[in-house]
């Protein structure tokens, strides 16, 4: 795997993880939570889809997908796709930083195993 390919993979994975955090911020916002609790389905859907954080998260996902298409054009999918697992690692860290989500010992060990697996793949 070239440095360029690895860089594109990491960029796509990072943008995807950030998109998760932005979507979480939108879905836990007051307006969306109110709509989910009380609104009719169409109004709720509109509230969710028009929330700036949700829109931002979807835009980030789209950007990450475009970068991923470039990745797929350059390297084997069997090598590229497992690297997406790094998104679990980054999302866990970002969830902890932004939402104070728990990182139990089990989650930390699992995260380290993911990192080890991706490192082995990157060397092949």
N, C-alpha and C. Protein backbone atom coordinates (compact mmCIF):
# COMPACT_ATOMS: atom_id res chain seq x y z
N UNK A 1 0.86 -1.17 0.00
CA UNK A 1 0.00 0.00 0.00
C UNK A 1 0.91 1.24 0.00
N UNK A 2 0.63 2.16 -0.90
CA UNK A 2 1.44 3.38 -0.97
C UNK A 2 1.04 4.36 0.11
N UNK A 3 1.89 5.34 0.34
CA UNK A 3 1.56 6.37 1.33
C UNK A 3 0.34 7.17 0.88
N UNK A 4 0.23 7.41 -0.41
CA UNK A 4 -0.93 8.15 -0.92
C UNK A 4 -2.21 7.38 -0.65
N UNK A 5 -2.20 6.08 -0.95
CA UNK A 5 -3.39 5.26 -0.70
C UNK A 5 -3.73 5.23 0.78
N UNK A 6 -2.72 5.05 1.61
CA UNK A 6 -2.95 5.03 3.05
C UNK A 6 -3.50 6.37 3.52
N UNK A 7 -2.96 7.45 2.99
CA UNK A 7 -3.45 8.78 3.34
C UNK A 7 -4.90 8.99 2.96
N UNK A 8 -5.27 8.51 1.77
CA UNK A 8 -6.67 8.64 1.33
C UNK A 8 -7.60 7.80 2.19
N UNK A 9 -7.15 6.60 2.55
CA UNK A 9 -7.96 5.75 3.44
C UNK A 9 -8.16 6.45 4.78
N UNK A 10 -7.08 6.94 5.35
CA UNK A 10 -7.18 7.61 6.66
C UNK A 10 -8.04 8.87 6.58
N UNK A 11 -7.94 9.59 5.48
CA UNK A 11 -8.78 10.79 5.30
C UNK A 11 -10.25 10.41 5.24
N UNK A 12 -10.58 9.39 4.45
CA UNK A 12 -11.97 8.95 4.34
C UNK A 12 -12.50 8.45 5.68
N UNK A 13 -11.70 7.65 6.37
CA UNK A 13 -12.12 7.11 7.67
C UNK A 13 -12.30 8.24 8.69
N UNK A 14 -11.40 9.20 8.68
CA UNK A 14 -11.49 10.33 9.62
C UNK A 14 -12.73 11.16 9.35
N UNK A 15 -12.99 11.46 8.09
CA UNK A 15 -14.18 12.24 7.76
C UNK A 15 -15.44 11.48 8.15
N UNK A 16 -15.45 10.17 7.94
CA UNK A 16 -16.60 9.36 8.32
C UNK A 16 -16.82 9.38 9.83
N UNK A 17 -15.74 9.29 10.60
CA UNK A 17 -15.86 9.33 12.06
C UNK A 17 -16.38 10.70 12.52
N UNK A 18 -15.88 11.75 11.91
CA UNK A 18 -16.36 13.09 12.25
C UNK A 18 -17.83 13.21 11.89
N UNK A 19 -18.22 12.63 10.76
CA UNK A 19 -19.63 12.65 10.36
C UNK A 19 -20.50 11.99 11.43
N UNK A 20 -20.02 10.89 12.00
CA UNK A 20 -20.77 10.22 13.06
C UNK A 20 -21.00 11.15 14.25
N UNK A 21 -19.97 11.88 14.62
CA UNK A 21 -20.06 12.78 15.77
C UNK A 21 -21.02 13.93 15.46
N UNK A 22 -20.94 14.46 14.26
CA UNK A 22 -21.82 15.57 13.86
C UNK A 22 -23.27 15.08 13.82
N UNK A 23 -23.50 13.88 13.27
CA UNK A 23 -24.86 13.32 13.26
C UNK A 23 -25.38 13.09 14.67
N UNK A 24 -24.53 12.59 15.55
CA UNK A 24 -24.93 12.38 16.95
C UNK A 24 -25.32 13.70 17.59
N UNK A 25 -24.55 14.75 17.31
CA UNK A 25 -24.89 16.07 17.85
C UNK A 25 -26.26 16.52 17.35
N UNK A 26 -26.53 16.29 16.08
CA UNK A 26 -27.83 16.66 15.54
C UNK A 26 -28.97 15.85 16.12
N UNK A 27 -28.76 14.56 16.25
CA UNK A 27 -29.84 13.68 16.72
C UNK A 27 -30.10 13.81 18.21
N UNK A 28 -29.16 14.36 18.96
CA UNK A 28 -29.39 14.56 20.39
C UNK A 28 -29.75 16.00 20.72
N UNK A 29 -29.86 16.84 19.69
CA UNK A 29 -30.25 18.23 19.91
C UNK A 29 -31.70 18.34 20.36
N UNK A 30 -32.02 19.45 20.99
CA UNK A 30 -33.35 19.64 21.59
C UNK A 30 -34.48 19.54 20.57
N UNK A 31 -34.34 20.20 19.43
CA UNK A 31 -35.42 20.21 18.43
C UNK A 31 -35.70 18.81 17.90
N UNK A 32 -34.64 18.08 17.59
CA UNK A 32 -34.82 16.72 17.06
C UNK A 32 -35.39 15.81 18.14
N UNK A 33 -34.90 15.91 19.35
CA UNK A 33 -35.42 15.08 20.44
C UNK A 33 -36.91 15.35 20.69
N UNK A 34 -37.29 16.62 20.63
CA UNK A 34 -38.71 16.98 20.79
C UNK A 34 -39.54 16.37 19.67
N UNK A 35 -39.05 16.50 18.45
CA UNK A 35 -39.78 15.97 17.30
C UNK A 35 -39.90 14.45 17.39
N UNK A 36 -38.84 13.78 17.80
CA UNK A 36 -38.88 12.32 17.94
C UNK A 36 -39.87 11.88 19.01
N UNK A 37 -40.00 12.68 20.05
CA UNK A 37 -40.88 12.32 21.17
C UNK A 37 -42.35 12.62 20.89
N UNK A 38 -42.63 13.65 20.11
CA UNK A 38 -44.02 14.11 20.02
C UNK A 38 -44.57 14.28 18.62
N UNK A 39 -43.72 14.44 17.65
CA UNK A 39 -44.22 14.84 16.34
C UNK A 39 -44.72 13.71 15.48
N UNK A 40 -45.60 14.05 14.53
CA UNK A 40 -46.00 13.07 13.52
C UNK A 40 -44.78 12.71 12.66
N UNK A 41 -44.83 11.58 12.02
CA UNK A 41 -43.65 11.04 11.33
C UNK A 41 -43.11 11.97 10.25
N UNK A 42 -43.98 12.59 9.46
CA UNK A 42 -43.51 13.46 8.38
C UNK A 42 -42.83 14.70 8.97
N UNK A 43 -43.45 15.29 9.96
CA UNK A 43 -42.85 16.47 10.60
C UNK A 43 -41.53 16.10 11.28
N UNK A 44 -41.50 14.95 11.91
CA UNK A 44 -40.28 14.49 12.56
C UNK A 44 -39.17 14.30 11.53
N UNK A 45 -39.50 13.65 10.43
CA UNK A 45 -38.51 13.44 9.36
C UNK A 45 -37.98 14.77 8.84
N UNK A 46 -38.86 15.72 8.65
CA UNK A 46 -38.43 17.04 8.16
C UNK A 46 -37.53 17.74 9.18
N UNK A 47 -37.88 17.64 10.45
CA UNK A 47 -37.06 18.25 11.49
C UNK A 47 -35.66 17.64 11.49
N UNK A 48 -35.61 16.32 11.39
CA UNK A 48 -34.32 15.63 11.38
C UNK A 48 -33.52 16.01 10.14
N UNK A 49 -34.15 15.93 8.98
CA UNK A 49 -33.43 16.16 7.72
C UNK A 49 -33.03 17.61 7.51
N UNK A 50 -33.68 18.53 8.20
CA UNK A 50 -33.33 19.95 8.07
C UNK A 50 -32.44 20.45 9.21
N UNK A 51 -32.14 19.58 10.16
CA UNK A 51 -31.25 19.98 11.25
C UNK A 51 -29.86 20.24 10.68
N UNK A 52 -29.25 21.38 11.00
CA UNK A 52 -27.94 21.71 10.43
C UNK A 52 -26.86 20.67 10.71
N UNK A 53 -26.88 20.08 11.90
CA UNK A 53 -25.88 19.06 12.20
C UNK A 53 -26.12 17.79 11.38
N UNK A 54 -27.35 17.41 11.22
CA UNK A 54 -27.66 16.22 10.41
C UNK A 54 -27.26 16.48 8.96
N UNK A 55 -27.60 17.63 8.44
CA UNK A 55 -27.20 17.99 7.07
C UNK A 55 -25.68 17.97 6.95
N UNK A 56 -25.01 18.58 7.92
CA UNK A 56 -23.54 18.59 7.90
C UNK A 56 -22.95 17.20 7.94
N UNK A 57 -23.51 16.33 8.78
CA UNK A 57 -23.03 14.96 8.86
C UNK A 57 -23.21 14.21 7.55
N UNK A 58 -24.36 14.42 6.91
CA UNK A 58 -24.60 13.76 5.62
C UNK A 58 -23.66 14.28 4.54
N UNK A 59 -23.39 15.57 4.55
CA UNK A 59 -22.44 16.15 3.59
C UNK A 59 -21.04 15.55 3.81
N UNK A 60 -20.65 15.42 5.07
CA UNK A 60 -19.36 14.80 5.36
C UNK A 60 -19.31 13.36 4.87
N UNK A 61 -20.38 12.61 5.09
CA UNK A 61 -20.44 11.24 4.58
C UNK A 61 -20.27 11.20 3.06
N UNK A 62 -20.92 12.11 2.38
CA UNK A 62 -20.82 12.16 0.92
C UNK A 62 -19.37 12.43 0.50
N UNK A 63 -18.73 13.38 1.17
CA UNK A 63 -17.33 13.67 0.86
C UNK A 63 -16.43 12.47 1.10
N UNK A 64 -16.66 11.79 2.21
CA UNK A 64 -15.88 10.59 2.52
C UNK A 64 -16.10 9.51 1.46
N UNK A 65 -17.33 9.39 0.99
CA UNK A 65 -17.64 8.39 -0.05
C UNK A 65 -16.90 8.70 -1.35
N UNK A 66 -16.82 9.98 -1.70
CA UNK A 66 -16.08 10.36 -2.91
C UNK A 66 -14.60 9.99 -2.78
N UNK A 67 -14.03 10.25 -1.63
CA UNK A 67 -12.63 9.88 -1.40
C UNK A 67 -12.48 8.36 -1.45
N UNK A 68 -13.45 7.65 -0.88
CA UNK A 68 -13.40 6.19 -0.87
C UNK A 68 -13.44 5.63 -2.29
N UNK A 69 -14.17 6.26 -3.17
CA UNK A 69 -14.19 5.82 -4.57
C UNK A 69 -12.80 5.90 -5.18
N UNK A 70 -12.06 6.94 -4.85
CA UNK A 70 -10.68 7.05 -5.33
C UNK A 70 -9.84 5.92 -4.76
N UNK A 71 -10.01 5.63 -3.47
CA UNK A 71 -9.28 4.53 -2.83
C UNK A 71 -9.55 3.23 -3.57
N UNK A 72 -10.82 2.95 -3.84
CA UNK A 72 -11.18 1.69 -4.50
C UNK A 72 -10.61 1.60 -5.91
N UNK A 73 -10.39 2.74 -6.54
CA UNK A 73 -9.82 2.72 -7.89
C UNK A 73 -8.32 2.42 -7.86
N UNK A 74 -7.70 2.50 -6.69
CA UNK A 74 -6.25 2.38 -6.61
C UNK A 74 -5.75 1.10 -5.93
N UNK A 75 -6.52 0.56 -4.98
CA UNK A 75 -6.03 -0.63 -4.28
C UNK A 75 -7.11 -1.68 -4.15
N UNK A 76 -6.69 -2.88 -3.80
CA UNK A 76 -7.61 -4.01 -3.67
C UNK A 76 -8.62 -3.75 -2.55
N UNK A 77 -9.86 -4.07 -2.82
CA UNK A 77 -10.91 -3.87 -1.82
C UNK A 77 -10.65 -4.74 -0.58
N UNK A 78 -10.06 -5.91 -0.78
CA UNK A 78 -9.78 -6.80 0.36
C UNK A 78 -8.71 -6.22 1.28
N UNK A 79 -7.93 -5.29 0.79
CA UNK A 79 -6.95 -4.60 1.62
C UNK A 79 -7.51 -3.29 2.16
N UNK A 80 -8.27 -2.59 1.34
CA UNK A 80 -8.79 -1.27 1.73
C UNK A 80 -9.90 -1.37 2.78
N UNK A 81 -10.85 -2.24 2.54
CA UNK A 81 -12.05 -2.23 3.38
C UNK A 81 -11.79 -2.54 4.85
N UNK A 82 -10.92 -3.49 5.18
CA UNK A 82 -10.67 -3.72 6.61
C UNK A 82 -10.13 -2.48 7.33
N UNK A 83 -9.51 -1.57 6.60
CA UNK A 83 -9.00 -0.34 7.22
C UNK A 83 -10.13 0.55 7.71
N UNK A 84 -11.32 0.32 7.21
CA UNK A 84 -12.49 1.08 7.68
C UNK A 84 -12.69 0.84 9.17
N UNK A 85 -12.20 -0.28 9.67
CA UNK A 85 -12.33 -0.58 11.10
C UNK A 85 -11.67 0.49 11.97
N UNK A 86 -10.72 1.22 11.40
CA UNK A 86 -10.12 2.32 12.16
C UNK A 86 -11.16 3.37 12.54
N UNK A 87 -12.25 3.41 11.78
CA UNK A 87 -13.34 4.32 12.11
C UNK A 87 -13.94 4.02 13.48
N UNK A 88 -13.97 2.74 13.86
CA UNK A 88 -14.46 2.36 15.19
C UNK A 88 -13.56 2.97 16.27
N UNK A 89 -12.27 2.92 16.02
CA UNK A 89 -11.30 3.45 16.97
C UNK A 89 -11.48 4.96 17.12
N UNK A 90 -11.47 5.64 15.99
CA UNK A 90 -11.57 7.10 16.01
C UNK A 90 -12.92 7.56 16.56
N UNK A 91 -13.98 6.87 16.19
CA UNK A 91 -15.31 7.25 16.69
C UNK A 91 -15.40 7.07 18.20
N UNK A 92 -14.80 6.02 18.72
CA UNK A 92 -14.80 5.81 20.17
C UNK A 92 -14.06 6.94 20.88
N UNK A 93 -12.93 7.34 20.33
CA UNK A 93 -12.16 8.44 20.94
C UNK A 93 -12.94 9.75 20.85
N UNK A 94 -13.51 10.03 19.69
CA UNK A 94 -14.28 11.27 19.52
C UNK A 94 -15.54 11.26 20.39
N UNK A 95 -16.18 10.10 20.51
CA UNK A 95 -17.35 9.99 21.38
C UNK A 95 -17.00 10.29 22.83
N UNK A 96 -15.84 9.84 23.23
CA UNK A 96 -15.36 10.13 24.59
C UNK A 96 -15.09 11.62 24.76
N UNK A 97 -14.42 12.22 23.78
CA UNK A 97 -14.06 13.64 23.87
C UNK A 97 -15.26 14.57 23.84
N UNK A 98 -16.19 14.30 22.91
CA UNK A 98 -17.29 15.24 22.69
C UNK A 98 -18.55 14.94 23.50
N UNK A 99 -18.79 13.66 23.79
CA UNK A 99 -20.03 13.28 24.47
C UNK A 99 -19.78 12.60 25.81
N UNK A 100 -18.52 12.51 26.21
CA UNK A 100 -18.14 11.90 27.49
C UNK A 100 -18.65 10.47 27.61
N UNK A 101 -18.64 9.76 26.49
CA UNK A 101 -19.07 8.36 26.48
C UNK A 101 -18.01 7.50 27.17
N UNK A 102 -18.47 6.44 27.80
CA UNK A 102 -17.58 5.56 28.55
C UNK A 102 -16.68 4.76 27.62
N UNK A 103 -15.44 4.56 28.05
CA UNK A 103 -14.51 3.65 27.37
C UNK A 103 -14.08 2.62 28.41
N UNK A 104 -14.80 1.51 28.43
CA UNK A 104 -14.50 0.45 29.39
C UNK A 104 -13.21 -0.26 28.99
N UNK A 105 -12.71 -1.07 29.89
CA UNK A 105 -11.51 -1.85 29.61
C UNK A 105 -11.73 -2.75 28.40
N UNK A 106 -12.90 -3.35 28.31
CA UNK A 106 -13.21 -4.21 27.17
C UNK A 106 -13.16 -3.43 25.86
N UNK A 107 -13.72 -2.24 25.85
CA UNK A 107 -13.70 -1.41 24.63
C UNK A 107 -12.27 -1.01 24.27
N UNK A 108 -11.48 -0.70 25.27
CA UNK A 108 -10.10 -0.30 25.00
C UNK A 108 -9.31 -1.47 24.42
N UNK A 109 -9.46 -2.66 25.00
CA UNK A 109 -8.76 -3.84 24.49
C UNK A 109 -9.23 -4.15 23.06
N UNK A 110 -10.52 -4.09 22.82
CA UNK A 110 -11.05 -4.34 21.47
C UNK A 110 -10.49 -3.32 20.48
N UNK A 111 -10.39 -2.08 20.90
CA UNK A 111 -9.85 -1.03 20.05
C UNK A 111 -8.39 -1.30 19.71
N UNK A 112 -7.63 -1.74 20.68
CA UNK A 112 -6.22 -2.07 20.43
C UNK A 112 -6.09 -3.26 19.48
N UNK A 113 -6.98 -4.23 19.60
CA UNK A 113 -6.96 -5.37 18.67
C UNK A 113 -7.28 -4.93 17.25
N UNK A 114 -8.22 -4.00 17.10
CA UNK A 114 -8.54 -3.46 15.78
C UNK A 114 -7.30 -2.79 15.19
N UNK A 115 -6.64 -1.98 15.99
CA UNK A 115 -5.43 -1.28 15.52
C UNK A 115 -4.35 -2.28 15.09
N UNK A 116 -4.17 -3.33 15.87
CA UNK A 116 -3.17 -4.35 15.53
C UNK A 116 -3.52 -5.04 14.22
N UNK A 117 -4.78 -5.37 14.04
CA UNK A 117 -5.21 -6.01 12.80
C UNK A 117 -5.01 -5.13 11.58
N UNK A 118 -5.35 -3.87 11.70
CA UNK A 118 -5.17 -2.95 10.57
C UNK A 118 -3.68 -2.75 10.28
N UNK A 119 -2.86 -2.68 11.32
CA UNK A 119 -1.41 -2.54 11.12
C UNK A 119 -0.85 -3.74 10.37
N UNK A 120 -1.30 -4.93 10.72
CA UNK A 120 -0.85 -6.13 10.00
C UNK A 120 -1.27 -6.10 8.54
N UNK A 121 -2.50 -5.69 8.29
CA UNK A 121 -2.97 -5.60 6.91
C UNK A 121 -2.18 -4.59 6.11
N UNK A 122 -1.89 -3.46 6.71
CA UNK A 122 -1.17 -2.39 6.00
C UNK A 122 0.22 -2.84 5.58
N UNK A 123 0.78 -3.78 6.30
CA UNK A 123 2.13 -4.27 5.97
C UNK A 123 2.12 -5.29 4.85
N UNK A 124 0.95 -5.81 4.50
CA UNK A 124 0.90 -6.86 3.48
C UNK A 124 0.93 -6.29 2.08
